[in-house]
Structures are given as C-alpha cells and as structure tokens.
Amino acid sequence: MRENIIEAKQKLFQNIANINFYEVDFEKKLVTIDISKSFMKKYGLSEHQLSIKTDDYMDYVHEDYKNTITKYYQLLSTSDINTHESFECRIKYPNMNNYCWFKTVVEKV
C-alpha cells in the first residue's frame, strides 16, 4: 500500500509545473529525485530520475544554499517517517550549464 501512495505522488508531481519529488533514504544515505517532465524539457535533461548519495547531492547545490540543505537533512533525519518538508534552493543537475531555482518537496520514507 505504501509503495502505491509514493508512486501516485511521483506521477502527480512529474506531471505538474516544475515540481520535483525527492525521496531520502537515511539508512542508505541516498537521495532519489523524480524530475517533472516540464523541468526536464525546460532545462534539457534526459533522465527523469536521479539516485545519488547525499554527499554527492551537495555537489549540485549552489554554495549559498548548502547550509539550508544541511539543516533540512538534519531535521528530516530526526523526524518521523512520512514527514514532508518543502524548500527552495538553487541547483545545477548533471549536464546543466547554469544553476536554476526550484521548490521541492522532500518526504522521509
């Protein structure tokens, strides 16, 4: 049942605006990002999903927002399962030339 809810959320987020769905696995220290179709098209990305280690993820975050991301990571790591947090930051995914602004939702699973 839990997997069906996550899949439904991912499909919804991928099909609206520039909302990307993040899933954080604190045991594996893994961030999975489902990228919306409109975000992919706007920035010329070819992959709809990225799975990266949390340390590697920080390489994509603009220097001005690394502290913000670290605070959210610490908050989520001590939060209950199914906790959702939303935040904005500047990021540059692989194959992007410039940083972009976006708002995202992170769910602890």
PDB file of N, CA and C in Angstrom:
ATOM      1  N   MET A   1       0.826  -1.195   0.000  1.00  0.00           N
ATOM      2  CA  MET A   1       0.000   0.000   0.000  1.00  0.00           C
ATOM      3  C   MET A   1       0.867   1.255   0.000  1.00  0.00           C
ATOM      4  N   ARG A   2       1.902   1.276   0.830  1.00  0.00           N
ATOM      5  CA  ARG A   2       2.782   2.439   0.940  1.00  0.00           C
ATOM      6  C   ARG A   2       3.440   2.766  -0.399  1.00  0.00           C
ATOM      7  N   GLU A   3       3.898   1.741  -1.122  1.00  0.00           N
ATOM      8  CA  GLU A   3       4.537   1.944  -2.422  1.00  0.00           C
ATOM      9  C   GLU A   3       3.569   2.571  -3.418  1.00  0.00           C
ATOM     10  N   ASN A   4       2.295   2.179  -3.373  1.00  0.00           N
ATOM     11  CA  ASN A   4       1.303   2.731  -4.296  1.00  0.00           C
ATOM     12  C   ASN A   4       1.100   4.221  -4.061  1.00  0.00           C
ATOM     13  N   ILE A   5       1.111   4.651  -2.824  1.00  0.00           N
ATOM     14  CA  ILE A   5       0.955   6.062  -2.493  1.00  0.00           C
ATOM     15  C   ILE A   5       2.152   6.856  -3.013  1.00  0.00           C
ATOM     16  N   ILE A   6       3.349   6.347  -2.804  1.00  0.00           N
ATOM     17  CA  ILE A   6       4.562   7.022  -3.287  1.00  0.00           C
ATOM     18  C   ILE A   6       4.533   7.114  -4.807  1.00  0.00           C
ATOM     19  N   GLU A   7       4.179   6.021  -5.482  1.00  0.00           N
ATOM     20  CA  GLU A   7       4.126   6.036  -6.943  1.00  0.00           C
ATOM     21  C   GLU A   7       3.098   7.038  -7.447  1.00  0.00           C
ATOM     22  N   ALA A   8       1.957   7.121  -6.790  1.00  0.00           N
ATOM     23  CA  ALA A   8       0.923   8.075  -7.200  1.00  0.00           C
ATOM     24  C   ALA A   8       1.423   9.510  -7.036  1.00  0.00           C
ATOM     25  N   LYS A   9       2.107   9.790  -5.932  1.00  0.00           N
ATOM     26  CA  LYS A   9       2.659  11.125  -5.711  1.00  0.00           C
ATOM     27  C   LYS A   9       3.712  11.458  -6.763  1.00  0.00           C
ATOM     28  N   GLN A  10       4.555  10.509  -7.069  1.00  0.00           N
ATOM     29  CA  GLN A  10       5.601  10.737  -8.069  1.00  0.00           C
ATOM     30  C   GLN A  10       4.996  11.084  -9.420  1.00  0.00           C
ATOM     31  N   LYS A  11       3.988  10.335  -9.839  1.00  0.00           N
ATOM     32  CA  LYS A  11       3.351  10.599 -11.127  1.00  0.00           C
ATOM     33  C   LYS A  11       2.691  11.975 -11.130  1.00  0.00           C
ATOM     34  N   LEU A  12       2.038  12.307 -10.032  1.00  0.00           N
ATOM     35  CA  LEU A  12       1.392  13.619  -9.937  1.00  0.00           C
ATOM     36  C   LEU A  12       2.426  14.731 -10.035  1.00  0.00           C
ATOM     37  N   PHE A  13       3.488  14.655  -9.252  1.00  0.00           N
ATOM     38  CA  PHE A  13       4.499  15.698  -9.232  1.00  0.00           C
ATOM     39  C   PHE A  13       5.236  15.804 -10.568  1.00  0.00           C
ATOM     40  N   GLN A  14       5.428  14.681 -11.232  1.00  0.00           N
ATOM     41  CA  GLN A  14       6.129  14.710 -12.521  1.00  0.00           C
ATOM     42  C   GLN A  14       5.309  15.386 -13.606  1.00  0.00           C
ATOM     43  N   ASN A  15       4.008  15.406 -13.445  1.00  0.00           N
ATOM     44  CA  ASN A  15       3.149  15.926 -14.498  1.00  0.00           C
ATOM     45  C   ASN A  15       2.661  17.351 -14.272  1.00  0.00           C
ATOM     46  N   ILE A  16       3.065  17.987 -13.192  1.00  0.00           N
ATOM     47  CA  ILE A  16       2.634  19.358 -12.955  1.00  0.00           C
ATOM     48  C   ILE A  16       3.842  20.264 -12.821  1.00  0.00           C
ATOM     49  N   ALA A  17       3.703  21.456 -13.302  1.00  0.00           N
ATOM     50  CA  ALA A  17       4.680  22.539 -13.170  1.00  0.00           C
ATOM     51  C   ALA A  17       6.112  22.034 -13.105  1.00  0.00           C
ATOM     52  N   ASN A  18       6.931  22.743 -12.350  1.00  0.00           N
ATOM     53  CA  ASN A  18       8.338  22.380 -12.186  1.00  0.00           C
ATOM     54  C   ASN A  18       8.572  21.805 -10.800  1.00  0.00           C
ATOM     55  N   ILE A  19       7.718  20.902 -10.376  1.00  0.00           N
ATOM     56  CA  ILE A  19       7.857  20.306  -9.051  1.00  0.00           C
ATOM     57  C   ILE A  19       8.581  18.977  -9.194  1.00  0.00           C
ATOM     58  N   ASN A  20       9.641  18.832  -8.422  1.00  0.00           N
ATOM     59  CA  ASN A  20      10.408  17.590  -8.409  1.00  0.00           C
ATOM     60  C   ASN A  20      10.202  16.918  -7.066  1.00  0.00           C
ATOM     61  N   PHE A  21      10.043  15.607  -7.075  1.00  0.00           N
ATOM     62  CA  PHE A  21       9.773  14.844  -5.860  1.00  0.00           C
ATOM     63  C   PHE A  21      11.064  14.205  -5.377  1.00  0.00           C
ATOM     64  N   TYR A  22      11.426  14.468  -4.125  1.00  0.00           N
ATOM     65  CA  TYR A  22      12.637  13.916  -3.525  1.00  0.00           C
ATOM     66  C   TYR A  22      12.261  12.852  -2.511  1.00  0.00           C
ATOM     67  N   GLU A  23      13.005  11.767  -2.524  1.00  0.00           N
ATOM     68  CA  GLU A  23      12.866  10.725  -1.518  1.00  0.00           C
ATOM     69  C   GLU A  23      14.238  10.550  -0.888  1.00  0.00           C
ATOM     70  N   VAL A  24      14.304  10.590   0.429  1.00  0.00           N
ATOM     71  CA  VAL A  24      15.573  10.481   1.138  1.00  0.00           C
ATOM     72  C   VAL A  24      15.578   9.187   1.944  1.00  0.00           C
ATOM     73  N   ASP A  25      16.564   8.329   1.688  1.00  0.00           N
ATOM     74  CA  ASP A  25      16.744   7.099   2.450  1.00  0.00           C
ATOM     75  C   ASP A  25      17.917   7.339   3.396  1.00  0.00           C
ATOM     76  N   PHE A  26      17.606   7.546   4.668  1.00  0.00           N
ATOM     77  CA  PHE A  26      18.645   7.907   5.631  1.00  0.00           C
ATOM     78  C   PHE A  26      19.558   6.736   5.981  1.00  0.00           C
ATOM     79  N   GLU A  27      19.051   5.510   5.892  1.00  0.00           N
ATOM     80  CA  GLU A  27      19.903   4.352   6.168  1.00  0.00           C
ATOM     81  C   GLU A  27      20.958   4.174   5.079  1.00  0.00           C
ATOM     82  N   LYS A  28      20.543   4.314   3.828  1.00  0.00           N
ATOM     83  CA  LYS A  28      21.464   4.143   2.705  1.00  0.00           C
ATOM     84  C   LYS A  28      22.166   5.447   2.333  1.00  0.00           C
ATOM     85  N   LYS A  29      21.733   6.556   2.961  1.00  0.00           N
ATOM     86  CA  LYS A  29      22.260   7.891   2.638  1.00  0.00           C
ATOM     87  C   LYS A  29      22.135   8.161   1.139  1.00  0.00           C
ATOM     88  N   LEU A  30      20.903   7.959   0.665  1.00  0.00           N
ATOM     89  CA  LEU A  30      20.604   8.059  -0.752  1.00  0.00           C
ATOM     90  C   LEU A  30      19.445   9.029  -0.985  1.00  0.00           C
ATOM     91  N   VAL A  31      19.610   9.896  -1.975  1.00  0.00           N
ATOM     92  CA  VAL A  31      18.555  10.816  -2.397  1.00  0.00           C
ATOM     93  C   VAL A  31      18.091  10.363  -3.771  1.00  0.00           C
ATOM     94  N   THR A  32      16.782  10.154  -3.907  1.00  0.00           N
ATOM     95  CA  THR A  32      16.199   9.826  -5.199  1.00  0.00           C
ATOM     96  C   THR A  32      15.333  10.998  -5.612  1.00  0.00           C
ATOM     97  N   ILE A  33      15.582  11.521  -6.807  1.00  0.00           N
ATOM     98  CA  ILE A  33      14.873  12.692  -7.303  1.00  0.00           C
ATOM     99  C   ILE A  33      14.098  12.296  -8.549  1.00  0.00           C
ATOM    100  N   ASP A  34      12.775  12.455  -8.480  1.00  0.00           N
ATOM    101  CA  ASP A  34      11.937  12.263  -9.652  1.00  0.00           C
ATOM    102  C   ASP A  34      11.699  13.641 -10.255  1.00  0.00           C
ATOM    103  N   ILE A  35      12.156  13.814 -11.482  1.00  0.00           N
ATOM    104  CA  ILE A  35      12.152  15.126 -12.124  1.00  0.00           C
ATOM    105  C   ILE A  35      10.919  15.259 -13.007  1.00  0.00           C
ATOM    106  N   SER A  36      10.209  16.374 -12.853  1.00  0.00           N
ATOM    107  CA  SER A  36       8.989  16.598 -13.635  1.00  0.00           C
ATOM    108  C   SER A  36       9.314  16.725 -15.118  1.00  0.00           C
ATOM    109  N   LYS A  37       8.347  16.365 -15.942  1.00  0.00           N
ATOM    110  CA  LYS A  37       8.517  16.441 -17.394  1.00  0.00           C
ATOM    111  C   LYS A  37       8.785  17.873 -17.840  1.00  0.00           C
ATOM    112  N   SER A  38       8.073  18.822 -17.238  1.00  0.00           N
ATOM    113  CA  SER A  38       8.268  20.218 -17.656  1.00  0.00           C
ATOM    114  C   SER A  38       9.651  20.720 -17.257  1.00  0.00           C
ATOM    115  N   PHE A  39      10.162  20.272 -16.115  1.00  0.00           N
ATOM    116  CA  PHE A  39      11.508  20.664 -15.678  1.00  0.00           C
ATOM    117  C   PHE A  39      12.546  20.071 -16.635  1.00  0.00           C
ATOM    118  N   MET A  40      12.354  18.801 -17.007  1.00  0.00           N
ATOM    119  CA  MET A  40      13.270  18.155 -17.943  1.00  0.00           C
ATOM    120  C   MET A  40      13.304  18.905 -19.270  1.00  0.00           C
ATOM    121  N   LYS A  41      12.126  19.242 -19.767  1.00  0.00           N
ATOM    122  CA  LYS A  41      12.040  19.938 -21.056  1.00  0.00           C
ATOM    123  C   LYS A  41      12.672  21.325 -20.970  1.00  0.00           C
ATOM    124  N   LYS A  42      12.360  22.060 -19.917  1.00  0.00           N
ATOM    125  CA  LYS A  42      12.854  23.425 -19.759  1.00  0.00           C
ATOM    126  C   LYS A  42      14.374  23.481 -19.707  1.00  0.00           C
ATOM    127  N   TYR A  43      14.998  22.501 -19.026  1.00  0.00           N
ATOM    128  CA  TYR A  43      16.447  22.531 -18.821  1.00  0.00           C
ATOM    129  C   TYR A  43      17.208  21.505 -19.659  1.00  0.00           C
ATOM    130  N   GLY A  44      16.519  20.839 -20.567  1.00  0.00           N
ATOM    131  CA  GLY A  44      17.188  19.915 -21.478  1.00  0.00           C
ATOM    132  C   GLY A  44      17.763  18.681 -20.810  1.00  0.00           C
ATOM    133  N   LEU A  45      17.124  18.196 -19.772  1.00  0.00           N
ATOM    134  CA  LEU A  45      17.602  16.991 -19.082  1.00  0.00           C
ATOM    135  C   LEU A  45      17.011  15.747 -19.730  1.00  0.00           C
ATOM    136  N   SER A  46      17.763  14.671 -19.738  1.00  0.00           N
ATOM    137  CA  SER A  46      17.294  13.446 -20.380  1.00  0.00           C
ATOM    138  C   SER A  46      16.846  12.380 -19.382  1.00  0.00           C
ATOM    139  N   GLU A  47      17.257  12.474 -18.143  1.00  0.00           N
ATOM    140  CA  GLU A  47      16.887  11.478 -17.139  1.00  0.00           C
ATOM    141  C   GLU A  47      15.730  11.993 -16.293  1.00  0.00           C
ATOM    142  N   HIS A  48      14.713  11.142 -16.098  1.00  0.00           N
ATOM    143  CA  HIS A  48      13.580  11.553 -15.274  1.00  0.00           C
ATOM    144  C   HIS A  48      13.792  11.232 -13.796  1.00  0.00           C
ATOM    145  N   GLN A  49      14.864  10.485 -13.493  1.00  0.00           N
ATOM    146  CA  GLN A  49      15.133  10.151 -12.101  1.00  0.00           C
ATOM    147  C   GLN A  49      16.639  10.097 -11.863  1.00  0.00           C
ATOM    148  N   LEU A  50      17.044  10.647 -10.723  1.00  0.00           N
ATOM    149  CA  LEU A  50      18.438  10.559 -10.281  1.00  0.00           C
ATOM    150  C   LEU A  50      18.462   9.893  -8.913  1.00  0.00           C
ATOM    151  N   SER A  51      19.361   8.977  -8.705  1.00  0.00           N
ATOM    152  CA  SER A  51      19.603   8.381  -7.396  1.00  0.00           C
ATOM    153  C   SER A  51      21.066   8.622  -7.067  1.00  0.00           C
ATOM    154  N   ILE A  52      21.298   9.421  -6.041  1.00  0.00           N
ATOM    155  CA  ILE A  52      22.663   9.811  -5.697  1.00  0.00           C
ATOM    156  C   ILE A  52      22.864   9.791  -4.192  1.00  0.00           C
ATOM    157  N   LYS A  53      24.096   9.559  -3.794  1.00  0.00           N
ATOM    158  CA  LYS A  53      24.439   9.610  -2.370  1.00  0.00           C
ATOM    159  C   LYS A  53      24.273  11.042  -1.868  1.00  0.00           C
ATOM    160  N   THR A  54      23.928  11.182  -0.594  1.00  0.00           N
ATOM    161  CA  THR A  54      23.664  12.519  -0.047  1.00  0.00           C
ATOM    162  C   THR A  54      24.882  13.424  -0.170  1.00  0.00           C
ATOM    163  N   ASP A  55      26.075  12.899   0.031  1.00  0.00           N
ATOM    164  CA  ASP A  55      27.282  13.727  -0.102  1.00  0.00           C
ATOM    165  C   ASP A  55      27.466  14.227  -1.533  1.00  0.00           C
ATOM    166  N   ASP A  56      27.173  13.365  -2.512  1.00  0.00           N
ATOM    167  CA  ASP A  56      27.277  13.760  -3.913  1.00  0.00           C
ATOM    168  C   ASP A  56      26.222  14.792  -4.282  1.00  0.00           C
ATOM    169  N   TYR A  57      25.050  14.679  -3.684  1.00  0.00           N
ATOM    170  CA  TYR A  57      23.978  15.639  -3.953  1.00  0.00           C
ATOM    171  C   TYR A  57      24.429  17.069  -3.640  1.00  0.00           C
ATOM    172  N   MET A  58      25.188  17.234  -2.587  1.00  0.00           N
ATOM    173  CA  MET A  58      25.628  18.572  -2.177  1.00  0.00           C
ATOM    174  C   MET A  58      26.510  19.227  -3.245  1.00  0.00           C
ATOM    175  N   ASP A  59      27.135  18.436  -4.102  1.00  0.00           N
ATOM    176  CA  ASP A  59      27.928  18.997  -5.198  1.00  0.00           C
ATOM    177  C   ASP A  59      27.063  19.748  -6.209  1.00  0.00           C
ATOM    178  N   TYR A  60      25.776  19.418  -6.283  1.00  0.00           N
ATOM    179  CA  TYR A  60      24.858  20.063  -7.218  1.00  0.00           C
ATOM    180  C   TYR A  60      24.257  21.352  -6.668  1.00  0.00           C
ATOM    181  N   VAL A  61      24.307  21.509  -5.350  1.00  0.00           N
ATOM    182  CA  VAL A  61      23.659  22.651  -4.687  1.00  0.00           C
ATOM    183  C   VAL A  61      24.565  23.879  -4.740  1.00  0.00           C
ATOM    184  N   HIS A  62      23.966  25.017  -5.038  1.00  0.00           N
ATOM    185  CA  HIS A  62      24.703  26.281  -5.047  1.00  0.00           C
ATOM    186  C   HIS A  62      25.264  26.549  -3.650  1.00  0.00           C
ATOM    187  N   GLU A  63      26.442  27.095  -3.604  1.00  0.00           N
ATOM    188  CA  GLU A  63      27.154  27.350  -2.340  1.00  0.00           C
ATOM    189  C   GLU A  63      26.293  28.104  -1.315  1.00  0.00           C
ATOM    190  N   ASP A  64      25.487  29.050  -1.776  1.00  0.00           N
ATOM    191  CA  ASP A  64      24.650  29.854  -0.874  1.00  0.00           C
ATOM    192  C   ASP A  64      23.570  29.040  -0.167  1.00  0.00           C
ATOM    193  N   TYR A  65      23.286  27.827  -0.639  1.00  0.00           N
ATOM    194  CA  TYR A  65      22.177  27.041  -0.093  1.00  0.00           C
ATOM    195  C   TYR A  65      22.615  25.745   0.571  1.00  0.00           C
ATOM    196  N   LYS A  66      23.902  25.502   0.626  1.00  0.00           N
ATOM    197  CA  LYS A  66      24.377  24.254   1.237  1.00  0.00           C
ATOM    198  C   LYS A  66      24.018  24.165   2.722  1.00  0.00           C
ATOM    199  N   ASN A  67      24.107  25.280   3.441  1.00  0.00           N
ATOM    200  CA  ASN A  67      23.730  25.266   4.860  1.00  0.00           C
ATOM    201  C   ASN A  67      22.246  24.986   5.039  1.00  0.00           C
ATOM    202  N   THR A  68      21.421  25.553   4.161  1.00  0.00           N
ATOM    203  CA  THR A  68      19.979  25.322   4.227  1.00  0.00           C
ATOM    204  C   THR A  68      19.670  23.851   4.016  1.00  0.00           C
ATOM    205  N   ILE A  69      20.281  23.252   3.013  1.00  0.00           N
ATOM    206  CA  ILE A  69      20.051  21.837   2.724  1.00  0.00           C
ATOM    207  C   ILE A  69      20.530  20.973   3.889  1.00  0.00           C
ATOM    208  N   THR A  70      21.659  21.303   4.462  1.00  0.00           N
ATOM    209  CA  THR A  70      22.181  20.549   5.616  1.00  0.00           C
ATOM    210  C   THR A  70      21.208  20.614   6.786  1.00  0.00           C
ATOM    211  N   LYS A  71      20.633  21.783   7.039  1.00  0.00           N
ATOM    212  CA  LYS A  71      19.657  21.924   8.132  1.00  0.00           C
ATOM    213  C   LYS A  71      18.419  21.068   7.891  1.00  0.00           C
ATOM    214  N   TYR A  72      17.916  21.075   6.641  1.00  0.00           N
ATOM    215  CA  TYR A  72      16.756  20.240   6.328  1.00  0.00           C
ATOM    216  C   TYR A  72      17.091  18.760   6.449  1.00  0.00           C
ATOM    217  N   TYR A  73      18.269  18.371   6.035  1.00  0.00           N
ATOM    218  CA  TYR A  73      18.683  16.976   6.153  1.00  0.00           C
ATOM    219  C   TYR A  73      18.712  16.561   7.624  1.00  0.00           C
ATOM    220  N   GLN A  74      19.287  17.412   8.474  1.00  0.00           N
ATOM    221  CA  GLN A  74      19.340  17.106   9.905  1.00  0.00           C
ATOM    222  C   GLN A  74      17.942  17.049  10.512  1.00  0.00           C
ATOM    223  N   LEU A  75      17.079  17.973  10.094  1.00  0.00           N
ATOM    224  CA  LEU A  75      15.703  17.978  10.583  1.00  0.00           C
ATOM    225  C   LEU A  75      14.985  16.695  10.186  1.00  0.00           C
ATOM    226  N   LEU A  76      15.095  16.328   8.934  1.00  0.00           N
ATOM    227  CA  LEU A  76      14.430  15.115   8.463  1.00  0.00           C
ATOM    228  C   LEU A  76      15.014  13.853   9.082  1.00  0.00           C
ATOM    229  N   SER A  77      16.308  13.833   9.323  1.00  0.00           N
ATOM    230  CA  SER A  77      16.931  12.627   9.875  1.00  0.00           C
ATOM    231  C   SER A  77      16.415  12.310  11.273  1.00  0.00           C
ATOM    232  N   THR A  78      15.928  13.304  11.979  1.00  0.00           N
ATOM    233  CA  THR A  78      15.394  13.080  13.330  1.00  0.00           C
ATOM    234  C   THR A  78      13.872  13.100  13.350  1.00  0.00           C
ATOM    235  N   SER A  79      13.245  13.252  12.195  1.00  0.00           N
ATOM    236  CA  SER A  79      11.786  13.313  12.100  1.00  0.00           C
ATOM    237  C   SER A  79      11.191  11.920  11.938  1.00  0.00           C
ATOM    238  N   ASP A  80       9.872  11.861  12.102  1.00  0.00           N
ATOM    239  CA  ASP A  80       9.151  10.614  11.904  1.00  0.00           C
ATOM    240  C   ASP A  80       9.059  10.268  10.425  1.00  0.00           C
ATOM    241  N   ILE A  81       8.832   8.992  10.142  1.00  0.00           N
ATOM    242  CA  ILE A  81       8.581   8.528   8.779  1.00  0.00           C
ATOM    243  C   ILE A  81       7.376   9.301   8.234  1.00  0.00           C
ATOM    244  N   ASN A  82       7.372   9.549   6.931  1.00  0.00           N
ATOM    245  CA  ASN A  82       6.317  10.267   6.208  1.00  0.00           C
ATOM    246  C   ASN A  82       6.337  11.771   6.441  1.00  0.00           C
ATOM    247  N   THR A  83       7.358  12.278   7.093  1.00  0.00           N
ATOM    248  CA  THR A  83       7.478  13.722   7.256  1.00  0.00           C
ATOM    249  C   THR A  83       7.790  14.345   5.904  1.00  0.00           C
ATOM    250  N   HIS A  84       7.108  15.436   5.606  1.00  0.00           N
ATOM    251  CA  HIS A  84       7.321  16.171   4.358  1.00  0.00           C
ATOM    252  C   HIS A  84       7.897  17.535   4.692  1.00  0.00           C
ATOM    253  N   GLU A  85       8.862  17.956   3.927  1.00  0.00           N
ATOM    254  CA  GLU A  85       9.404  19.309   4.041  1.00  0.00           C
ATOM    255  C   GLU A  85       9.493  19.897   2.647  1.00  0.00           C
ATOM    256  N   SER A  86       9.263  21.184   2.560  1.00  0.00           N
ATOM    257  CA  SER A  86       9.342  21.883   1.289  1.00  0.00           C
ATOM    258  C   SER A  86      10.362  23.002   1.423  1.00  0.00           C
ATOM    259  N   PHE A  87      11.190  23.178   0.400  1.00  0.00           N
ATOM    260  CA  PHE A  87      12.174  24.251   0.446  1.00  0.00           C
ATOM    261  C   PHE A  87      12.559  24.672  -0.964  1.00  0.00           C
ATOM    262  N   GLU A  88      13.177  25.831  -1.059  1.00  0.00           N
ATOM    263  CA  GLU A  88      13.675  26.343  -2.324  1.00  0.00           C
ATOM    264  C   GLU A  88      15.189  26.436  -2.259  1.00  0.00           C
ATOM    265  N   CYS A  89      15.824  26.223  -3.384  1.00  0.00           N
ATOM    266  CA  CYS A  89      17.266  26.401  -3.459  1.00  0.00           C
ATOM    267  C   CYS A  89      17.674  26.521  -4.924  1.00  0.00           C
ATOM    268  N   ARG A  90      18.923  26.785  -5.142  1.00  0.00           N
ATOM    269  CA  ARG A  90      19.478  26.808  -6.493  1.00  0.00           C
ATOM    270  C   ARG A  90      20.305  25.552  -6.671  1.00  0.00           C
ATOM    271  N   ILE A  91      20.132  24.914  -7.811  1.00  0.00           N
ATOM    272  CA  ILE A  91      20.797  23.640  -8.058  1.00  0.00           C
ATOM    273  C   ILE A  91      21.202  23.558  -9.520  1.00  0.00           C
ATOM    274  N   LYS A  92      22.221  22.778  -9.765  1.00  0.00           N
ATOM    275  CA  LYS A  92      22.666  22.524 -11.136  1.00  0.00           C
ATOM    276  C   LYS A  92      22.849  21.017 -11.278  1.00  0.00           C
ATOM    277  N   TYR A  93      21.885  20.364 -11.913  1.00  0.00           N
ATOM    278  CA  TYR A  93      21.960  18.931 -12.147  1.00  0.00           C
ATOM    279  C   TYR A  93      23.036  18.621 -13.175  1.00  0.00           C
ATOM    280  N   PRO A  94      23.447  17.367 -13.272  1.00  0.00           N
ATOM    281  CA  PRO A  94      24.419  16.992 -14.305  1.00  0.00           C
ATOM    282  C   PRO A  94      23.919  17.417 -15.688  1.00  0.00           C
ATOM    283  N   ASN A  95      24.818  17.872 -16.516  1.00  0.00           N
ATOM    284  CA  ASN A  95      24.551  18.320 -17.888  1.00  0.00           C
ATOM    285  C   ASN A  95      23.839  19.663 -17.979  1.00  0.00           C
ATOM    286  N   MET A  96      23.679  20.360 -16.867  1.00  0.00           N
ATOM    287  CA  MET A  96      23.108  21.708 -16.915  1.00  0.00           C
ATOM    288  C   MET A  96      24.253  22.712 -16.917  1.00  0.00           C
ATOM    289  N   ASN A  97      24.084  23.800 -17.668  1.00  0.00           N
ATOM    290  CA  ASN A  97      25.114  24.834 -17.742  1.00  0.00           C
ATOM    291  C   ASN A  97      25.037  25.837 -16.602  1.00  0.00           C
ATOM    292  N   ASN A  98      23.832  26.113 -16.140  1.00  0.00           N
ATOM    293  CA  ASN A  98      23.627  27.133 -15.114  1.00  0.00           C
ATOM    294  C   ASN A  98      22.786  26.586 -13.971  1.00  0.00           C
ATOM    295  N   TYR A  99      22.881  27.272 -12.844  1.00  0.00           N
ATOM    296  CA  TYR A  99      22.016  26.944 -11.716  1.00  0.00           C
ATOM    297  C   TYR A  99      20.600  27.408 -12.028  1.00  0.00           C
ATOM    298  N   CYS A 100      19.629  26.725 -11.453  1.00  0.00           N
ATOM    299  CA  CYS A 100      18.242  27.141 -11.590  1.00  0.00           C
ATOM    300  C   CYS A 100      17.593  27.165 -10.210  1.00  0.00           C
ATOM    301  N   TRP A 101      16.534  27.924 -10.095  1.00  0.00           N
ATOM    302  CA  TRP A 101      15.743  27.971  -8.867  1.00  0.00           C
ATOM    303  C   TRP A 101      14.674  26.906  -8.957  1.00  0.00           C
ATOM    304  N   PHE A 102      14.400  26.276  -7.853  1.00  0.00           N
ATOM    305  CA  PHE A 102      13.221  25.436  -7.818  1.00  0.00           C
ATOM    306  C   PHE A 102      12.805  25.187  -6.388  1.00  0.00           C
ATOM    307  N   LYS A 103      11.559  24.847  -6.262  1.00  0.00           N
ATOM    308  CA  LYS A 103      10.991  24.489  -4.965  1.00  0.00           C
ATOM    309  C   LYS A 103      10.708  22.991  -5.013  1.00  0.00           C
ATOM    310  N   THR A 104      11.003  22.306  -3.942  1.00  0.00           N
ATOM    311  CA  THR A 104      10.811  20.866  -3.933  1.00  0.00           C
ATOM    312  C   THR A 104      10.142  20.399  -2.645  1.00  0.00           C
ATOM    313  N   VAL A 105       9.638  19.198  -2.690  1.00  0.00           N
ATOM    314  CA  VAL A 105       9.045  18.543  -1.539  1.00  0.00           C
ATOM    315  C   VAL A 105       9.904  17.318  -1.237  1.00  0.00           C
ATOM    316  N   VAL A 106      10.315  17.155   0.001  1.00  0.00           N
ATOM    317  CA  VAL A 106      11.101  16.008   0.417  1.00  0.00           C
ATOM    318  C   VAL A 106      10.265  15.208   1.389  1.00  0.00           C
ATOM    319  N   GLU A 107      10.222  13.889   1.179  1.00  0.00           N
ATOM    320  CA  GLU A 107       9.477  13.012   2.067  1.00  0.00           C
ATOM    321  C   GLU A 107      10.425  12.000   2.681  1.00  0.00           C
ATOM    322  N   LYS A 108      10.355  11.848   3.991  1.00  0.00           N
ATOM    323  CA  LYS A 108      11.155  10.825   4.659  1.00  0.00           C
ATOM    324  C   LYS A 108      10.397   9.514   4.590  1.00  0.00           C
ATOM    325  N   VAL A 109      11.084   8.486   4.070  1.00  0.00           N
ATOM    326  CA  VAL A 109      10.451   7.168   3.949  1.00  0.00           C
ATOM    327  C   VAL A 109      11.175   6.161   4.812  1.00  0.00           C
TER     328      VAL A 109
END
